[in-house]
N, C-alpha and C. Protein backbone atom coordinates (compact mmCIF):
# COMPACT_ATOMS: atom_id res chain seq x y z
N CYS A 1 -33.38 23.75 5.17
CA CYS A 1 -32.87 22.48 5.66
C CYS A 1 -31.51 22.70 6.30
N TYR A 2 -31.36 22.36 7.53
CA TYR A 2 -30.09 22.54 8.24
C TYR A 2 -29.15 21.39 7.92
N ASN A 3 -27.93 21.72 7.50
CA ASN A 3 -26.94 20.69 7.21
C ASN A 3 -25.73 20.99 8.08
N SER A 4 -25.52 20.14 9.06
CA SER A 4 -24.38 20.36 9.97
C SER A 4 -23.05 20.02 9.35
N GLY A 5 -23.07 19.36 8.21
CA GLY A 5 -21.83 18.98 7.55
C GLY A 5 -21.27 17.65 8.06
N MET A 6 -21.83 17.14 9.12
CA MET A 6 -21.34 15.89 9.70
C MET A 6 -21.70 14.69 8.84
N GLU A 7 -22.76 14.79 8.06
CA GLU A 7 -23.18 13.67 7.21
C GLU A 7 -22.12 13.31 6.18
N ASN A 8 -21.29 14.30 5.78
CA ASN A 8 -20.30 14.08 4.75
C ASN A 8 -18.96 13.49 5.29
N LEU A 9 -18.82 13.45 6.62
CA LEU A 9 -17.60 12.96 7.19
C LEU A 9 -17.68 11.44 7.33
N LYS A 10 -17.17 10.75 6.34
CA LYS A 10 -17.15 9.30 6.36
C LYS A 10 -15.72 8.84 6.42
N THR A 11 -15.52 7.70 7.02
CA THR A 11 -14.20 7.12 7.08
C THR A 11 -13.88 6.56 5.68
N PRO A 12 -12.72 6.93 5.14
CA PRO A 12 -12.36 6.38 3.83
C PRO A 12 -12.28 4.86 3.86
N PRO A 13 -12.57 4.23 2.75
CA PRO A 13 -12.54 2.76 2.71
C PRO A 13 -11.19 2.22 3.16
N ASN A 14 -11.22 1.26 4.06
CA ASN A 14 -10.00 0.63 4.54
C ASN A 14 -10.35 -0.68 5.21
N ASN A 15 -9.36 -1.52 5.38
CA ASN A 15 -9.51 -2.77 6.13
C ASN A 15 -8.19 -2.99 6.83
N VAL A 16 -8.10 -2.47 8.04
CA VAL A 16 -6.86 -2.54 8.81
C VAL A 16 -6.49 -3.98 9.13
N GLU A 17 -7.48 -4.84 9.32
CA GLU A 17 -7.21 -6.26 9.58
C GLU A 17 -6.51 -6.91 8.39
N ALA A 18 -6.97 -6.60 7.16
CA ALA A 18 -6.32 -7.15 5.97
C ALA A 18 -4.89 -6.57 5.83
N GLU A 19 -4.72 -5.29 6.16
CA GLU A 19 -3.37 -4.73 6.13
C GLU A 19 -2.45 -5.47 7.06
N ARG A 20 -2.92 -5.71 8.29
CA ARG A 20 -2.11 -6.42 9.27
C ARG A 20 -1.85 -7.86 8.80
N ALA A 21 -2.83 -8.46 8.16
CA ALA A 21 -2.68 -9.82 7.66
C ALA A 21 -1.60 -9.88 6.56
N VAL A 22 -1.54 -8.86 5.70
CA VAL A 22 -0.51 -8.81 4.66
C VAL A 22 0.86 -8.74 5.32
N LEU A 23 1.01 -7.88 6.31
CA LEU A 23 2.30 -7.71 7.00
C LEU A 23 2.68 -8.99 7.74
N GLY A 24 1.72 -9.59 8.39
CA GLY A 24 1.97 -10.84 9.10
C GLY A 24 2.36 -11.96 8.15
N ALA A 25 1.69 -12.03 7.00
CA ALA A 25 2.01 -13.06 6.01
C ALA A 25 3.43 -12.88 5.47
N ILE A 26 3.83 -11.63 5.27
CA ILE A 26 5.20 -11.37 4.81
C ILE A 26 6.19 -11.92 5.84
N LEU A 27 5.92 -11.65 7.12
CA LEU A 27 6.82 -12.11 8.17
C LEU A 27 6.81 -13.63 8.31
N LEU A 28 5.66 -14.27 8.12
CA LEU A 28 5.56 -15.73 8.19
C LEU A 28 6.21 -16.43 7.02
N ASP A 29 6.23 -15.75 5.87
CA ASP A 29 6.68 -16.37 4.61
C ASP A 29 8.16 -16.27 4.37
N THR A 30 8.88 -15.56 5.22
CA THR A 30 10.29 -15.35 4.97
C THR A 30 11.08 -16.63 5.14
N THR A 31 12.06 -16.79 4.28
CA THR A 31 12.92 -17.98 4.34
C THR A 31 14.32 -17.62 4.71
N GLY A 32 14.64 -16.31 4.77
CA GLY A 32 15.97 -15.90 5.11
C GLY A 32 16.92 -15.88 3.93
N ARG A 33 16.43 -16.28 2.74
CA ARG A 33 17.29 -16.30 1.55
C ARG A 33 16.97 -15.16 0.59
N GLY A 34 15.98 -14.36 0.93
CA GLY A 34 15.64 -13.22 0.08
C GLY A 34 14.59 -13.56 -0.96
N ASP A 35 14.14 -14.83 -1.05
CA ASP A 35 13.13 -15.17 -2.05
C ASP A 35 11.77 -15.30 -1.36
N ASP A 36 11.30 -14.18 -0.87
CA ASP A 36 10.06 -14.16 -0.09
C ASP A 36 8.86 -14.02 -1.05
N ARG A 37 8.08 -15.09 -1.12
CA ARG A 37 6.99 -15.17 -2.07
C ARG A 37 5.94 -14.08 -1.82
N VAL A 38 5.54 -13.83 -0.58
CA VAL A 38 4.49 -12.86 -0.30
C VAL A 38 4.96 -11.45 -0.70
N MET A 39 6.20 -11.11 -0.39
CA MET A 39 6.72 -9.80 -0.79
C MET A 39 6.72 -9.67 -2.29
N ASP A 40 7.08 -10.77 -2.99
CA ASP A 40 7.06 -10.74 -4.45
C ASP A 40 5.65 -10.47 -4.99
N ILE A 41 4.66 -11.10 -4.38
CA ILE A 41 3.27 -10.87 -4.80
C ILE A 41 2.89 -9.42 -4.54
N CYS A 42 3.28 -8.87 -3.40
CA CYS A 42 3.01 -7.49 -3.07
C CYS A 42 3.57 -6.56 -4.15
N LEU A 43 4.83 -6.82 -4.52
CA LEU A 43 5.47 -5.98 -5.54
C LEU A 43 4.79 -6.14 -6.90
N THR A 44 4.46 -7.38 -7.26
CA THR A 44 3.82 -7.63 -8.55
C THR A 44 2.43 -6.96 -8.62
N LYS A 45 1.72 -6.97 -7.52
CA LYS A 45 0.39 -6.37 -7.48
C LYS A 45 0.43 -4.85 -7.29
N GLY A 46 1.63 -4.30 -7.18
CA GLY A 46 1.74 -2.85 -7.08
C GLY A 46 1.49 -2.29 -5.70
N LEU A 47 1.55 -3.13 -4.69
CA LEU A 47 1.35 -2.63 -3.32
C LEU A 47 2.47 -1.67 -2.96
N SER A 48 2.12 -0.56 -2.35
CA SER A 48 3.11 0.43 -1.92
C SER A 48 2.76 0.83 -0.48
N ALA A 49 3.60 1.62 0.12
CA ALA A 49 3.31 2.09 1.47
C ALA A 49 1.98 2.86 1.49
N ASP A 50 1.70 3.59 0.40
CA ASP A 50 0.44 4.34 0.31
C ASP A 50 -0.79 3.47 0.25
N SER A 51 -0.61 2.18 -0.03
CA SER A 51 -1.74 1.24 -0.07
C SER A 51 -2.32 1.03 1.32
N PHE A 52 -1.54 1.34 2.36
CA PHE A 52 -1.93 1.09 3.73
C PHE A 52 -2.56 2.33 4.33
N TYR A 53 -3.76 2.19 4.86
CA TYR A 53 -4.50 3.30 5.46
C TYR A 53 -3.95 3.62 6.84
N ASP A 54 -3.70 2.60 7.64
CA ASP A 54 -3.20 2.76 9.00
C ASP A 54 -1.74 3.22 8.95
N ALA A 55 -1.41 4.31 9.64
CA ALA A 55 -0.07 4.89 9.59
C ALA A 55 0.98 3.92 10.10
N ARG A 56 0.66 3.13 11.12
CA ARG A 56 1.63 2.16 11.61
C ARG A 56 1.94 1.12 10.57
N ASN A 57 0.90 0.62 9.93
CA ASN A 57 1.08 -0.40 8.88
C ASN A 57 1.86 0.15 7.70
N ARG A 58 1.59 1.42 7.39
CA ARG A 58 2.31 2.07 6.30
C ARG A 58 3.82 2.14 6.61
N LEU A 59 4.15 2.50 7.85
CA LEU A 59 5.57 2.56 8.24
C LEU A 59 6.23 1.20 8.26
N VAL A 60 5.52 0.20 8.74
CA VAL A 60 6.05 -1.16 8.76
C VAL A 60 6.31 -1.64 7.32
N PHE A 61 5.35 -1.45 6.44
CA PHE A 61 5.50 -1.91 5.07
C PHE A 61 6.63 -1.11 4.37
N GLU A 62 6.70 0.17 4.61
CA GLU A 62 7.76 0.98 4.02
C GLU A 62 9.14 0.45 4.45
N THR A 63 9.25 0.09 5.70
CA THR A 63 10.51 -0.48 6.22
C THR A 63 10.80 -1.82 5.56
N MET A 64 9.75 -2.65 5.41
CA MET A 64 9.92 -3.94 4.75
C MET A 64 10.39 -3.75 3.31
N LEU A 65 9.80 -2.77 2.62
CA LEU A 65 10.21 -2.49 1.23
C LEU A 65 11.69 -2.07 1.16
N GLU A 66 12.08 -1.22 2.07
CA GLU A 66 13.48 -0.78 2.11
C GLU A 66 14.41 -1.96 2.34
N MET A 67 14.03 -2.85 3.25
CA MET A 67 14.83 -4.01 3.55
C MET A 67 14.91 -4.93 2.32
N ASN A 68 13.79 -5.10 1.64
CA ASN A 68 13.75 -5.92 0.45
C ASN A 68 14.62 -5.33 -0.66
N ARG A 69 14.54 -4.01 -0.83
CA ARG A 69 15.37 -3.34 -1.84
C ARG A 69 16.85 -3.54 -1.59
N HIS A 70 17.24 -3.63 -0.34
CA HIS A 70 18.66 -3.81 0.03
C HIS A 70 19.01 -5.27 0.26
N SER A 71 18.09 -6.17 -0.14
CA SER A 71 18.31 -7.63 -0.01
C SER A 71 18.65 -8.05 1.41
N GLN A 72 18.04 -7.38 2.39
CA GLN A 72 18.24 -7.72 3.79
C GLN A 72 17.30 -8.87 4.14
N SER A 73 17.72 -9.76 5.01
CA SER A 73 16.82 -10.78 5.53
C SER A 73 15.68 -10.11 6.24
N LEU A 74 14.50 -10.69 6.09
CA LEU A 74 13.31 -10.05 6.65
C LEU A 74 12.57 -11.08 7.53
N ASP A 75 12.65 -10.87 8.80
CA ASP A 75 11.83 -11.63 9.79
C ASP A 75 11.52 -10.66 10.91
N SER A 76 10.82 -11.14 11.92
CA SER A 76 10.38 -10.20 12.96
C SER A 76 11.55 -9.55 13.68
N LEU A 77 12.62 -10.30 13.91
CA LEU A 77 13.78 -9.69 14.60
C LEU A 77 14.52 -8.66 13.77
N THR A 78 14.76 -9.00 12.50
CA THR A 78 15.48 -8.03 11.62
C THR A 78 14.61 -6.81 11.37
N LEU A 79 13.28 -7.03 11.27
CA LEU A 79 12.37 -5.92 11.07
C LEU A 79 12.40 -4.98 12.30
N MET A 80 12.37 -5.56 13.47
CA MET A 80 12.40 -4.72 14.68
C MET A 80 13.73 -3.95 14.78
N GLU A 81 14.83 -4.57 14.44
CA GLU A 81 16.12 -3.88 14.43
C GLU A 81 16.12 -2.72 13.44
N GLU A 82 15.57 -2.96 12.27
CA GLU A 82 15.52 -1.88 11.25
C GLU A 82 14.60 -0.76 11.68
N LEU A 83 13.49 -1.11 12.30
CA LEU A 83 12.58 -0.07 12.81
C LEU A 83 13.27 0.77 13.91
N LYS A 84 14.01 0.11 14.76
CA LYS A 84 14.76 0.83 15.80
C LYS A 84 15.79 1.75 15.16
N ARG A 85 16.53 1.21 14.18
CA ARG A 85 17.59 1.99 13.51
C ARG A 85 17.02 3.26 12.85
N ASN A 86 15.79 3.16 12.37
CA ASN A 86 15.14 4.31 11.69
C ASN A 86 14.25 5.12 12.62
N ASN A 87 14.33 4.88 13.93
CA ASN A 87 13.53 5.58 14.91
C ASN A 87 12.04 5.44 14.65
N ARG A 88 11.63 4.27 14.22
CA ARG A 88 10.22 3.99 13.94
C ARG A 88 9.62 2.97 14.89
N PHE A 89 10.46 2.35 15.70
CA PHE A 89 10.05 1.21 16.53
C PHE A 89 8.90 1.56 17.46
N GLU A 90 9.08 2.62 18.25
CA GLU A 90 8.04 3.01 19.21
C GLU A 90 6.81 3.57 18.48
N THR A 91 7.04 4.24 17.36
CA THR A 91 5.93 4.81 16.60
C THR A 91 4.95 3.74 16.13
N VAL A 92 5.48 2.57 15.71
CA VAL A 92 4.59 1.51 15.23
C VAL A 92 4.00 0.67 16.36
N GLY A 93 4.52 0.81 17.57
CA GLY A 93 3.95 0.09 18.67
C GLY A 93 4.88 -0.94 19.27
N GLY A 94 6.12 -0.94 18.89
CA GLY A 94 7.12 -1.79 19.51
C GLY A 94 6.98 -3.26 19.19
N ALA A 95 7.64 -4.08 20.00
CA ALA A 95 7.69 -5.53 19.78
C ALA A 95 6.30 -6.16 19.87
N GLY A 96 5.45 -5.60 20.75
CA GLY A 96 4.09 -6.14 20.89
C GLY A 96 3.30 -6.05 19.59
N TYR A 97 3.46 -4.93 18.88
CA TYR A 97 2.71 -4.76 17.63
C TYR A 97 3.24 -5.68 16.55
N ILE A 98 4.57 -5.82 16.45
CA ILE A 98 5.15 -6.71 15.44
C ILE A 98 4.72 -8.14 15.73
N GLN A 99 4.76 -8.55 17.00
CA GLN A 99 4.34 -9.91 17.33
C GLN A 99 2.86 -10.12 17.02
N SER A 100 2.04 -9.11 17.24
CA SER A 100 0.59 -9.23 16.97
C SER A 100 0.34 -9.43 15.48
N LEU A 101 1.21 -8.89 14.63
CA LEU A 101 1.06 -9.10 13.18
C LEU A 101 1.22 -10.58 12.85
N ILE A 102 2.18 -11.20 13.47
CA ILE A 102 2.43 -12.61 13.21
C ILE A 102 1.33 -13.46 13.83
N ASP A 103 0.91 -13.12 15.03
CA ASP A 103 -0.13 -13.89 15.74
C ASP A 103 -1.47 -13.84 15.03
N GLN A 104 -1.73 -12.76 14.29
CA GLN A 104 -3.03 -12.58 13.63
C GLN A 104 -3.21 -13.53 12.47
N VAL A 105 -2.12 -13.97 11.83
CA VAL A 105 -2.18 -14.76 10.59
C VAL A 105 -1.66 -16.16 10.84
N PRO A 106 -2.51 -17.19 10.75
CA PRO A 106 -2.03 -18.54 11.00
C PRO A 106 -1.15 -19.08 9.87
N THR A 107 -1.35 -18.58 8.67
CA THR A 107 -0.59 -19.04 7.53
C THR A 107 -0.47 -17.94 6.48
N ALA A 108 0.56 -18.03 5.64
CA ALA A 108 0.71 -17.04 4.56
C ALA A 108 -0.05 -17.48 3.32
N ALA A 109 -0.75 -18.58 3.39
CA ALA A 109 -1.42 -19.16 2.21
C ALA A 109 -2.47 -18.22 1.60
N HIS A 110 -3.09 -17.38 2.40
CA HIS A 110 -4.17 -16.50 1.90
C HIS A 110 -3.67 -15.09 1.64
N ALA A 111 -2.36 -14.92 1.55
CA ALA A 111 -1.79 -13.60 1.39
C ALA A 111 -2.32 -12.87 0.17
N GLU A 112 -2.47 -13.56 -0.93
CA GLU A 112 -2.94 -12.91 -2.17
C GLU A 112 -4.33 -12.31 -1.98
N HIS A 113 -5.16 -13.02 -1.22
CA HIS A 113 -6.50 -12.50 -0.95
C HIS A 113 -6.42 -11.24 -0.10
N TYR A 114 -5.59 -11.27 0.94
CA TYR A 114 -5.42 -10.08 1.79
C TYR A 114 -4.88 -8.90 0.98
N ILE A 115 -3.92 -9.18 0.11
CA ILE A 115 -3.34 -8.13 -0.73
C ILE A 115 -4.43 -7.50 -1.63
N SER A 116 -5.29 -8.34 -2.19
CA SER A 116 -6.34 -7.79 -3.08
C SER A 116 -7.32 -6.93 -2.30
N ILE A 117 -7.58 -7.27 -1.06
CA ILE A 117 -8.47 -6.44 -0.22
C ILE A 117 -7.82 -5.07 0.00
N VAL A 118 -6.53 -5.08 0.34
CA VAL A 118 -5.81 -3.79 0.61
C VAL A 118 -5.76 -2.94 -0.64
N THR A 119 -5.42 -3.54 -1.80
CA THR A 119 -5.34 -2.76 -3.04
C THR A 119 -6.72 -2.27 -3.46
N GLY A 120 -7.75 -3.08 -3.21
CA GLY A 120 -9.12 -2.65 -3.55
C GLY A 120 -9.56 -1.44 -2.73
N LYS A 121 -9.23 -1.45 -1.45
CA LYS A 121 -9.58 -0.31 -0.59
C LYS A 121 -8.80 0.93 -1.00
N GLN A 122 -7.52 0.74 -1.36
CA GLN A 122 -6.72 1.90 -1.81
C GLN A 122 -7.33 2.48 -3.08
N LEU A 123 -7.73 1.62 -4.01
CA LEU A 123 -8.35 2.09 -5.26
C LEU A 123 -9.60 2.91 -4.96
N ARG A 124 -10.41 2.45 -4.02
CA ARG A 124 -11.61 3.20 -3.67
C ARG A 124 -11.25 4.57 -3.07
N ARG A 125 -10.20 4.63 -2.25
CA ARG A 125 -9.79 5.93 -1.66
C ARG A 125 -9.34 6.86 -2.79
N VAL A 126 -8.59 6.34 -3.73
CA VAL A 126 -8.11 7.17 -4.83
C VAL A 126 -9.28 7.67 -5.68
N LEU A 127 -10.24 6.79 -5.94
CA LEU A 127 -11.43 7.18 -6.71
C LEU A 127 -12.20 8.30 -5.99
N ILE A 128 -12.33 8.17 -4.68
CA ILE A 128 -13.03 9.21 -3.90
C ILE A 128 -12.26 10.54 -3.98
N GLU A 129 -10.93 10.45 -3.82
CA GLU A 129 -10.10 11.67 -3.88
C GLU A 129 -10.23 12.36 -5.24
N ARG A 130 -10.11 11.59 -6.30
CA ARG A 130 -10.19 12.17 -7.64
C ARG A 130 -11.59 12.72 -7.94
N SER A 131 -12.59 11.96 -7.52
CA SER A 131 -13.98 12.41 -7.73
C SER A 131 -14.26 13.72 -7.01
N THR A 132 -13.76 13.85 -5.79
CA THR A 132 -13.94 15.05 -4.99
C THR A 132 -13.31 16.25 -5.71
N LYS A 133 -12.12 16.05 -6.28
CA LYS A 133 -11.47 17.14 -6.99
C LYS A 133 -12.28 17.56 -8.21
N VAL A 134 -12.88 16.58 -8.92
CA VAL A 134 -13.73 16.91 -10.06
C VAL A 134 -14.94 17.70 -9.62
N ILE A 135 -15.56 17.26 -8.53
CA ILE A 135 -16.74 17.97 -8.01
C ILE A 135 -16.39 19.41 -7.65
N GLU A 136 -15.25 19.60 -6.96
CA GLU A 136 -14.81 20.96 -6.60
C GLU A 136 -14.62 21.83 -7.84
N LYS A 137 -14.04 21.27 -8.90
CA LYS A 137 -13.85 22.03 -10.13
C LYS A 137 -15.17 22.36 -10.79
N CYS A 138 -16.14 21.46 -10.69
CA CYS A 138 -17.46 21.74 -11.28
C CYS A 138 -18.12 22.93 -10.60
N TYR A 139 -17.93 23.08 -9.30
CA TYR A 139 -18.53 24.20 -8.57
C TYR A 139 -17.74 25.49 -8.77
N ASP A 140 -16.47 25.40 -9.15
CA ASP A 140 -15.60 26.58 -9.27
C ASP A 140 -15.63 27.08 -10.72
N GLU A 141 -16.75 27.70 -11.10
CA GLU A 141 -16.92 28.18 -12.47
C GLU A 141 -15.98 29.34 -12.79
N GLY A 142 -15.52 30.05 -11.76
CA GLY A 142 -14.59 31.16 -11.99
C GLY A 142 -13.25 30.69 -12.51
N SER A 143 -12.72 29.62 -11.92
CA SER A 143 -11.44 29.07 -12.34
C SER A 143 -11.59 28.10 -13.51
N TYR A 144 -12.77 27.52 -13.65
CA TYR A 144 -13.01 26.53 -14.71
C TYR A 144 -14.28 26.89 -15.48
N PRO A 145 -14.24 27.97 -16.28
CA PRO A 145 -15.46 28.41 -16.97
C PRO A 145 -15.92 27.42 -18.05
N ASP A 146 -15.00 26.64 -18.62
CA ASP A 146 -15.35 25.70 -19.69
C ASP A 146 -15.52 24.31 -19.11
N PRO A 147 -16.75 23.80 -19.09
CA PRO A 147 -16.98 22.46 -18.53
C PRO A 147 -16.23 21.35 -19.30
N GLN A 148 -15.91 21.61 -20.56
CA GLN A 148 -15.14 20.63 -21.33
C GLN A 148 -13.72 20.45 -20.77
N THR A 149 -13.17 21.56 -20.22
CA THR A 149 -11.86 21.47 -19.59
C THR A 149 -11.94 20.57 -18.37
N VAL A 150 -12.98 20.75 -17.56
CA VAL A 150 -13.17 19.90 -16.38
C VAL A 150 -13.32 18.45 -16.80
N LEU A 151 -14.12 18.23 -17.85
CA LEU A 151 -14.35 16.86 -18.34
C LEU A 151 -13.02 16.24 -18.79
N GLY A 152 -12.24 16.99 -19.55
CA GLY A 152 -10.95 16.50 -20.02
C GLY A 152 -10.01 16.13 -18.88
N GLU A 153 -9.95 17.01 -17.88
CA GLU A 153 -9.09 16.75 -16.72
C GLU A 153 -9.59 15.54 -15.94
N ALA A 154 -10.91 15.42 -15.84
CA ALA A 154 -11.49 14.27 -15.13
C ALA A 154 -11.17 12.97 -15.85
N GLU A 155 -11.34 12.98 -17.16
CA GLU A 155 -11.03 11.78 -17.96
C GLU A 155 -9.57 11.38 -17.79
N LYS A 156 -8.67 12.36 -17.88
CA LYS A 156 -7.23 12.06 -17.73
C LYS A 156 -6.93 11.52 -16.34
N SER A 157 -7.54 12.12 -15.33
CA SER A 157 -7.31 11.69 -13.96
C SER A 157 -7.75 10.25 -13.75
N PHE A 158 -8.91 9.90 -14.28
CA PHE A 158 -9.43 8.55 -14.11
C PHE A 158 -8.69 7.54 -14.99
N LEU A 159 -8.24 7.96 -16.15
CA LEU A 159 -7.43 7.04 -16.98
C LEU A 159 -6.10 6.77 -16.32
N ASP A 160 -5.54 7.76 -15.64
CA ASP A 160 -4.28 7.55 -14.89
C ASP A 160 -4.47 6.49 -13.82
N ILE A 161 -5.63 6.51 -13.15
CA ILE A 161 -5.90 5.48 -12.12
C ILE A 161 -5.93 4.12 -12.76
N GLY A 162 -6.60 4.01 -13.86
CA GLY A 162 -6.69 2.73 -14.57
C GLY A 162 -5.33 2.16 -14.90
N GLY A 163 -4.42 3.03 -15.28
CA GLY A 163 -3.07 2.60 -15.62
C GLY A 163 -2.32 2.14 -14.41
N ASN A 164 -2.63 2.71 -13.25
CA ASN A 164 -1.91 2.36 -12.00
C ASN A 164 -2.60 1.24 -11.25
N ALA A 165 -3.85 0.94 -11.58
CA ALA A 165 -4.61 -0.03 -10.80
C ALA A 165 -4.54 -1.45 -11.35
N SER A 166 -3.81 -1.63 -12.43
CA SER A 166 -3.74 -2.96 -13.00
C SER A 166 -2.97 -3.89 -12.09
N SER A 167 -3.09 -5.17 -12.33
CA SER A 167 -2.43 -6.15 -11.47
C SER A 167 -1.01 -6.41 -11.90
N THR A 168 -0.52 -5.60 -12.86
CA THR A 168 0.87 -5.75 -13.24
C THR A 168 1.64 -4.49 -12.88
N MET A 169 2.93 -4.60 -12.74
CA MET A 169 3.71 -3.44 -12.34
C MET A 169 4.17 -2.66 -13.58
N SER A 170 4.59 -1.45 -13.36
CA SER A 170 5.10 -0.62 -14.42
C SER A 170 6.42 -1.19 -14.96
N TRP A 171 6.80 -0.73 -16.17
CA TRP A 171 8.05 -1.25 -16.76
C TRP A 171 9.24 -0.97 -15.89
N SER A 172 9.33 0.26 -15.34
CA SER A 172 10.49 0.60 -14.51
C SER A 172 10.53 -0.29 -13.24
N ASN A 173 9.37 -0.53 -12.65
CA ASN A 173 9.32 -1.40 -11.47
C ASN A 173 9.62 -2.83 -11.86
N ALA A 174 9.14 -3.26 -13.03
CA ALA A 174 9.38 -4.63 -13.47
C ALA A 174 10.87 -4.86 -13.71
N ILE A 175 11.53 -3.87 -14.30
CA ILE A 175 12.97 -3.99 -14.56
C ILE A 175 13.74 -4.05 -13.25
N GLU A 176 13.39 -3.15 -12.29
CA GLU A 176 14.07 -3.16 -11.00
C GLU A 176 13.81 -4.49 -10.29
N PHE A 177 12.58 -4.96 -10.33
CA PHE A 177 12.20 -6.22 -9.71
C PHE A 177 13.00 -7.38 -10.30
N SER A 178 13.15 -7.37 -11.63
CA SER A 178 13.93 -8.42 -12.31
C SER A 178 15.39 -8.40 -11.91
N TYR A 179 15.97 -7.20 -11.87
CA TYR A 179 17.36 -7.07 -11.44
C TYR A 179 17.56 -7.56 -10.02
N GLN A 180 16.61 -7.23 -9.15
CA GLN A 180 16.71 -7.71 -7.75
C GLN A 180 16.70 -9.21 -7.70
N ASN A 181 15.81 -9.84 -8.50
CA ASN A 181 15.74 -11.29 -8.51
C ASN A 181 17.00 -11.92 -9.07
N ILE A 182 17.59 -11.29 -10.08
CA ILE A 182 18.86 -11.80 -10.66
C ILE A 182 19.96 -11.70 -9.61
N ASP A 183 20.01 -10.56 -8.91
CA ASP A 183 21.01 -10.37 -7.84
C ASP A 183 20.85 -11.44 -6.77
N LYS A 184 19.58 -11.74 -6.40
CA LYS A 184 19.34 -12.74 -5.38
C LYS A 184 19.80 -14.11 -5.83
N MET A 185 19.61 -14.42 -7.11
CA MET A 185 20.04 -15.72 -7.63
C MET A 185 21.58 -15.85 -7.57
N PHE A 186 22.27 -14.79 -7.87
CA PHE A 186 23.73 -14.84 -7.83
C PHE A 186 24.27 -14.94 -6.43
N GLU A 187 23.53 -14.40 -5.45
CA GLU A 187 23.94 -14.52 -4.07
C GLU A 187 23.89 -15.94 -3.61
């Protein structure tokens, strides 16, 4: 049986439209006072730059996170300025791409749904990555002669995912998030 290997080349789970909708919702939801509800939901749900499959979206979200960390106002103009300052503006597609993020989302009301789609796709990509590593170890009997070792590593790897995939943030992130909110209140 001839296997060209092409059958195994599948696009990892992603939803670029939902990624763009999350970014657009963040931009629509900004109030200029630093209490951006959609960004707070993103942080609470554990969304990170790695949650985004599309490289442009990953860079935009990473920039948004940096701006949020520094309590910078976040809207389309300030985002574009920050992207320019970090030499990312042209990489993400310039003003046209940032405007398209806003144009794609009529309201920020469904942001939580978009966020859950993005985190769900990221979880699937992580599961595929970890599963592939387990499969490779199963075939590599020379490096892994004891199948119990492979099983133990697989269990640990998947338990780690479970700890990271919950809808709550880690203690260290929760503490940082709380301090940021306290700082915003004092401002």
